[in-house]
Amino acid sequence: MENETKMSKQNKIQLFQDQKIRTHWDEKKELWYFSVQDVVQVLSASKDVKQYIKKMKSRDADLDSNWGTICTPVKMIASDGKFRKIQTSDTEGIFRIIQSIPSPKAEPFKRWLAKVGAERIEETEDPELAFDRAMATYLKKGYSKAWINQRLKSIEVRKELTDEWQERGVKEGLEYAILSDEITKAWTGKSIKDYKKLKGLKKENLRDNMSNLELVLNMLAEASTTEISKQKQPDGLDENKIIAKKGGGVAKKARLEIEKQTGKKVISSKNPQHLLGNK
């Protein structure tokens, strides 16, 4: 299930030469952590990255003996779309791992690492830069400016919701995912899993595959949940489930009215291939 807060606030997908690298920002240590598997995959182009890492460690005794120090387990989106602990390393550790990978991409990758670190420091001082860079990334992928504006707004709305959940004793991670699913089922009639299945998605981000209208209604569901929660002040997961259903219900009413007036279904199987280029 999606956890938008983690993806927007701490966990991100960074692009190196159009290839995805999962990253995590540790606010306390002020360090980036990078998925070791993703880095090795990008640099080695191996068809079996796990086997490559195993052989790499066997060739480099020093790296192997210090692997536990270099690597830190961090929860990130796994290949099955769920949050799981995977091996990561900070910039210093990644530089050490790179030494064991003969690749022409090594030097440009080092420059990319330095750039990512510098940009995060800049974003801490001026948060607006993060939105500017997010817009640039989406534009590069071919999304329209109108869609991007909605997408960035949805991140802000999601952040307000998860801040409210934190105030109400909801635990980050699984409980956030459970409540997200309740909201989604309430306004769409589908679980997040079924919604993604409809769009032909696996580990891809659901919101990145929504139409403008789907994004707007999802924001309405989450914003409504936030406002109702502030008034009702629920405590713990069970009480927050009730609020999540009510918030999603607000968006359901809007969806049904739109469908009545237009004669068209809002929930669509459209994915990026349909969205990009305004198809």
Protein backbone atom coordinates (compact mmCIF):
# COMPACT_ATOMS: atom_id res chain seq x y z
CA MET A 1 0.00 0.00 0.00
CA GLU A 2 1.06 3.55 -0.56
CA ASN A 3 2.52 5.67 2.17
CA GLU A 4 2.62 9.11 0.63
CA THR A 5 4.18 10.76 3.64
CA LYS A 6 7.19 8.50 3.56
CA MET A 7 7.60 8.99 -0.14
CA SER A 8 7.25 12.74 0.00
CA LYS A 9 8.96 13.56 3.27
CA GLN A 10 11.69 10.98 3.79
CA ASN A 11 11.69 8.31 1.08
CA LYS A 12 12.03 9.39 -2.50
CA ILE A 13 12.81 7.99 -5.91
CA GLN A 14 15.82 9.83 -7.31
CA LEU A 15 16.71 9.58 -10.98
CA PHE A 16 20.23 8.94 -12.25
CA GLN A 17 20.33 8.94 -16.04
CA ASP A 18 16.58 8.12 -16.02
CA GLN A 19 17.15 5.11 -13.74
CA LYS A 20 15.46 4.94 -10.35
CA ILE A 21 17.38 5.01 -7.08
CA ARG A 22 15.39 4.64 -3.86
CA THR A 23 16.58 7.05 -1.18
CA HIS A 24 15.83 7.92 2.43
CA TRP A 25 16.57 11.19 4.21
CA ASP A 26 17.45 10.77 7.90
CA GLU A 27 16.41 14.06 9.50
CA LYS A 28 18.25 13.44 12.77
CA LYS A 29 21.57 12.53 11.16
CA GLU A 30 20.95 14.81 8.16
CA LEU A 31 22.17 12.09 5.80
CA TRP A 32 20.89 10.54 2.60
CA TYR A 33 20.68 6.75 2.53
CA PHE A 34 20.64 5.04 -0.87
CA SER A 35 19.36 1.59 -1.77
CA VAL A 36 22.49 -0.51 -2.24
CA GLN A 37 20.68 -2.85 -4.60
CA ASP A 38 19.53 0.03 -6.82
CA VAL A 39 23.01 1.59 -6.95
CA VAL A 40 24.68 -1.71 -7.83
CA GLN A 41 22.00 -2.42 -10.44
CA VAL A 42 22.52 0.95 -12.13
CA LEU A 43 26.31 0.70 -12.17
CA SER A 44 26.67 -2.99 -13.00
CA ALA A 45 23.61 -3.48 -15.26
CA SER A 46 23.52 -7.01 -13.82
CA LYS A 47 20.54 -9.23 -14.58
CA ASP A 48 20.84 -10.74 -11.09
CA VAL A 49 21.86 -7.91 -8.79
CA LYS A 50 21.70 -10.01 -5.61
CA GLN A 51 24.13 -12.52 -7.06
CA TYR A 52 26.36 -9.68 -8.28
CA ILE A 53 26.53 -8.22 -4.76
CA LYS A 54 27.40 -11.64 -3.36
CA LYS A 55 30.26 -12.06 -5.85
CA MET A 56 31.39 -8.46 -5.32
CA LYS A 57 31.76 -9.08 -1.59
CA SER A 58 33.62 -12.36 -2.18
CA ARG A 59 36.12 -10.49 -4.39
CA ASP A 60 36.63 -7.69 -1.86
CA ALA A 61 37.45 -9.11 1.59
CA ASP A 62 37.65 -5.65 3.19
CA LEU A 63 34.22 -4.67 1.87
CA ASP A 64 32.78 -8.00 3.00
CA SER A 65 34.14 -7.70 6.54
CA ASN A 66 32.81 -4.15 6.90
CA TRP A 67 29.47 -4.74 5.16
CA GLY A 68 27.52 -4.62 8.41
CA THR A 69 29.04 -1.23 9.23
CA ILE A 70 28.63 0.19 5.73
CA CYS A 71 25.02 -0.91 5.29
CA THR A 72 21.96 0.14 7.32
CA PRO A 73 18.53 -1.54 7.01
CA VAL A 74 15.88 1.09 6.15
CA LYS A 75 12.20 0.67 5.31
CA MET A 76 11.58 1.49 1.67
CA ILE A 77 9.16 0.39 -1.03
CA ALA A 78 10.14 -3.15 -2.01
CA SER A 79 9.56 -4.88 -5.34
CA ASP A 80 6.13 -6.07 -4.16
CA GLY A 81 5.03 -2.50 -3.48
CA LYS A 82 5.13 -2.86 0.32
CA PHE A 83 7.40 -1.14 2.83
CA ARG A 84 10.17 -3.52 3.85
CA LYS A 85 13.62 -3.15 5.35
CA ILE A 86 16.26 -3.14 2.64
CA GLN A 87 20.02 -2.61 2.69
CA THR A 88 21.02 1.02 2.31
CA SER A 89 24.17 3.06 2.78
CA ASP A 90 25.00 6.72 3.23
CA THR A 91 27.05 8.64 0.68
CA GLU A 92 30.38 7.62 2.24
CA GLY A 93 29.40 3.95 2.21
CA ILE A 94 28.15 4.13 -1.37
CA PHE A 95 31.50 5.60 -2.43
CA ARG A 96 33.19 2.58 -0.84
CA ILE A 97 30.86 0.16 -2.63
CA ILE A 98 31.45 1.92 -5.95
CA GLN A 99 35.16 1.12 -5.65
CA SER A 100 34.29 -2.55 -6.11
CA ILE A 101 32.22 -2.02 -9.24
CA PRO A 102 34.15 -1.56 -12.49
CA SER A 103 31.83 0.71 -14.41
CA PRO A 104 32.17 3.68 -16.79
CA LYS A 105 29.25 5.22 -14.88
CA ALA A 106 31.22 5.40 -11.62
CA GLU A 107 32.52 8.96 -12.04
CA PRO A 108 29.24 10.53 -13.23
CA PHE A 109 27.49 8.65 -10.42
CA LYS A 110 29.86 10.17 -7.86
CA ARG A 111 29.04 13.62 -9.20
CA TRP A 112 25.34 12.76 -9.01
CA LEU A 113 25.70 11.73 -5.35
CA ALA A 114 27.34 15.04 -4.52
CA LYS A 115 24.60 16.93 -6.36
CA VAL A 116 21.83 15.08 -4.52
CA GLY A 117 23.43 15.90 -1.17
CA ALA A 118 23.86 19.57 -2.02
CA GLU A 119 20.28 19.87 -3.26
CA ARG A 120 18.87 18.39 -0.04
CA ILE A 121 20.74 20.96 2.05
CA GLU A 122 19.38 23.73 -0.20
CA GLU A 123 15.84 22.37 0.15
CA THR A 124 16.14 22.37 3.94
CA GLU A 125 16.98 26.07 3.81
CA ASP A 126 14.36 26.82 1.11
CA PRO A 127 11.57 24.15 0.93
CA GLU A 128 10.15 25.74 -2.24
CA LEU A 129 13.14 24.33 -4.14
CA ALA A 130 11.89 20.79 -3.47
CA PHE A 131 8.64 21.59 -5.29
CA ASP A 132 10.54 23.24 -8.15
CA ARG A 133 12.68 20.15 -8.60
CA ALA A 134 9.68 17.83 -8.34
CA MET A 135 7.98 19.83 -11.10
CA ALA A 136 11.10 19.62 -13.25
CA THR A 137 11.19 15.83 -12.80
CA TYR A 138 7.53 15.39 -13.76
CA LEU A 139 7.94 17.71 -16.76
CA LYS A 140 10.87 15.59 -17.88
CA LYS A 141 8.62 12.53 -17.73
CA GLY A 142 6.10 14.29 -19.97
CA TYR A 143 3.31 15.24 -17.58
CA SER A 144 1.34 18.44 -18.21
CA LYS A 145 1.81 21.46 -15.94
CA ALA A 146 -1.85 21.32 -14.91
CA TRP A 147 -1.48 17.71 -13.76
CA ILE A 148 1.80 18.45 -11.97
CA ASN A 149 0.25 21.32 -10.01
CA GLN A 150 -2.48 18.98 -8.81
CA ARG A 151 0.07 16.28 -7.93
CA LEU A 152 2.20 18.66 -5.86
CA LYS A 153 -0.88 19.95 -4.08
CA SER A 154 -1.86 16.37 -3.27
CA ILE A 155 1.47 15.91 -1.47
CA GLU A 156 0.75 18.95 0.68
CA VAL A 157 -2.76 17.69 1.51
CA ARG A 158 -1.37 14.25 2.37
CA LYS A 159 1.23 15.77 4.68
CA GLU A 160 -1.48 17.65 6.59
CA LEU A 161 -3.40 14.40 7.01
CA THR A 162 -0.47 12.38 8.31
CA ASP A 163 0.47 15.19 10.70
CA GLU A 164 -3.08 14.93 12.06
CA TRP A 165 -2.80 11.14 12.33
CA GLN A 166 0.39 11.52 14.30
CA GLU A 167 -1.42 13.82 16.72
CA ARG A 168 -4.15 11.18 17.11
CA GLY A 169 -1.86 8.33 18.10
CA VAL A 170 -1.69 6.57 14.74
CA LYS A 171 1.57 4.69 14.17
CA GLU A 172 3.53 5.51 11.04
CA GLY A 173 3.87 2.67 8.57
CA LEU A 174 1.29 -0.13 8.66
CA GLU A 175 -1.43 1.90 10.42
CA TYR A 176 -1.01 4.78 7.95
CA ALA A 177 -1.42 2.23 5.16
CA ILE A 178 -4.55 0.75 6.75
CA LEU A 179 -6.19 4.18 7.08
CA SER A 180 -5.16 5.12 3.53
CA ASP A 181 -6.89 1.98 2.31
CA GLU A 182 -10.05 2.84 4.28
CA ILE A 183 -10.18 6.30 2.69
CA THR A 184 -9.63 4.89 -0.79
CA LYS A 185 -12.28 2.18 -0.39
CA ALA A 186 -14.75 4.76 0.94
CA TRP A 187 -14.55 7.10 -2.07
CA THR A 188 -13.69 4.70 -4.91
CA GLY A 189 -15.30 1.46 -3.78
CA LYS A 190 -11.94 -0.22 -4.31
CA SER A 191 -8.99 -1.06 -2.10
CA ILE A 192 -5.64 0.45 -3.05
CA LYS A 193 -4.57 -2.99 -4.26
CA ASP A 194 -7.62 -3.30 -6.53
CA TYR A 195 -7.28 0.31 -7.69
CA LYS A 196 -3.69 -0.35 -8.76
CA LYS A 197 -4.73 -3.62 -10.40
CA LEU A 198 -7.33 -1.74 -12.44
CA LYS A 199 -4.59 0.54 -13.75
CA GLY A 200 -2.21 -2.34 -14.41
CA LEU A 201 0.24 -1.20 -11.73
CA LYS A 202 2.55 -3.19 -9.50
CA LYS A 203 5.07 -1.17 -7.47
CA GLU A 204 4.38 2.12 -9.29
CA ASN A 205 2.98 5.06 -7.33
CA LEU A 206 -0.83 5.11 -7.62
CA ARG A 207 -1.14 8.90 -7.51
CA ASP A 208 1.34 9.24 -10.36
CA ASN A 209 -1.17 7.25 -12.41
CA MET A 210 -4.30 9.21 -11.53
CA SER A 211 -6.13 11.62 -13.80
CA ASN A 212 -6.62 15.23 -12.70
CA LEU A 213 -10.13 14.43 -11.49
CA GLU A 214 -9.02 11.34 -9.59
CA LEU A 215 -6.32 13.39 -7.87
CA VAL A 216 -8.79 16.13 -6.95
CA LEU A 217 -11.27 13.69 -5.43
CA ASN A 218 -8.51 11.85 -3.57
CA MET A 219 -7.40 15.20 -2.14
CA LEU A 220 -10.98 15.97 -1.15
CA ALA A 221 -11.18 12.62 0.66
CA GLU A 222 -7.93 13.24 2.55
CA ALA A 223 -8.63 16.90 3.31
CA SER A 224 -12.10 15.98 4.59
CA THR A 225 -10.63 13.27 6.79
CA THR A 226 -8.19 15.81 8.24
CA GLU A 227 -10.89 18.35 9.05
CA ILE A 228 -13.28 15.79 10.55
CA SER A 229 -10.44 14.39 12.65
CA LYS A 230 -9.61 17.82 14.00
CA GLN A 231 -13.22 18.23 15.12
CA LYS A 232 -13.82 14.70 16.46
CA GLN A 233 -10.30 14.14 17.86
CA PRO A 234 -10.25 10.33 17.52
CA ASP A 235 -7.74 8.27 19.50
CA GLY A 236 -5.88 5.31 18.05
CA LEU A 237 -6.38 3.19 14.94
CA ASP A 238 -9.95 1.98 15.42
CA GLU A 239 -11.43 5.44 16.03
CA ASN A 240 -9.41 6.87 13.14
CA LYS A 241 -10.81 4.17 10.83
CA ILE A 242 -14.28 5.59 11.44
CA ILE A 243 -13.08 9.09 10.56
CA ALA A 244 -11.25 7.81 7.46
CA LYS A 245 -14.48 6.26 6.17
CA LYS A 246 -16.38 9.50 6.78
CA GLY A 247 -13.73 11.57 4.99
CA GLY A 248 -13.73 9.20 2.05
CA GLY A 249 -17.52 9.31 2.04
CA VAL A 250 -17.46 13.04 1.34
CA ALA A 251 -15.46 12.43 -1.83
CA LYS A 252 -17.72 9.50 -2.77
CA LYS A 253 -20.74 11.81 -2.83
CA ALA A 254 -18.85 14.23 -5.08
CA ARG A 255 -17.74 11.38 -7.36
CA LEU A 256 -21.28 10.03 -7.74
CA GLU A 257 -22.65 13.50 -8.54
CA ILE A 258 -19.96 14.07 -11.17
CA GLU A 259 -20.71 10.70 -12.75
CA LYS A 260 -24.42 11.51 -12.73
CA GLN A 261 -23.88 14.85 -14.45
CA THR A 262 -21.32 13.64 -17.01
CA GLY A 263 -22.46 10.09 -17.60
CA LYS A 264 -18.84 8.96 -17.30
CA LYS A 265 -17.01 6.93 -14.67
CA VAL A 266 -14.39 8.84 -12.67
CA ILE A 267 -12.35 5.81 -11.64
CA SER A 268 -10.34 4.98 -14.71
CA SER A 269 -7.94 2.30 -15.88
CA LYS A 270 -5.85 5.04 -17.51
CA ASN A 271 -2.16 5.01 -16.62
CA PRO A 272 0.84 7.16 -17.67
CA GLN A 273 0.66 5.91 -21.28
CA HIS A 274 -2.78 7.55 -21.49
CA LEU A 275 -1.99 10.55 -19.29
CA LEU A 276 1.26 11.58 -20.95
CA GLY A 277 0.82 13.72 -24.00
CA ASN A 278 -2.78 14.42 -22.94
CA LYS A 279 -3.97 11.24 -24.65
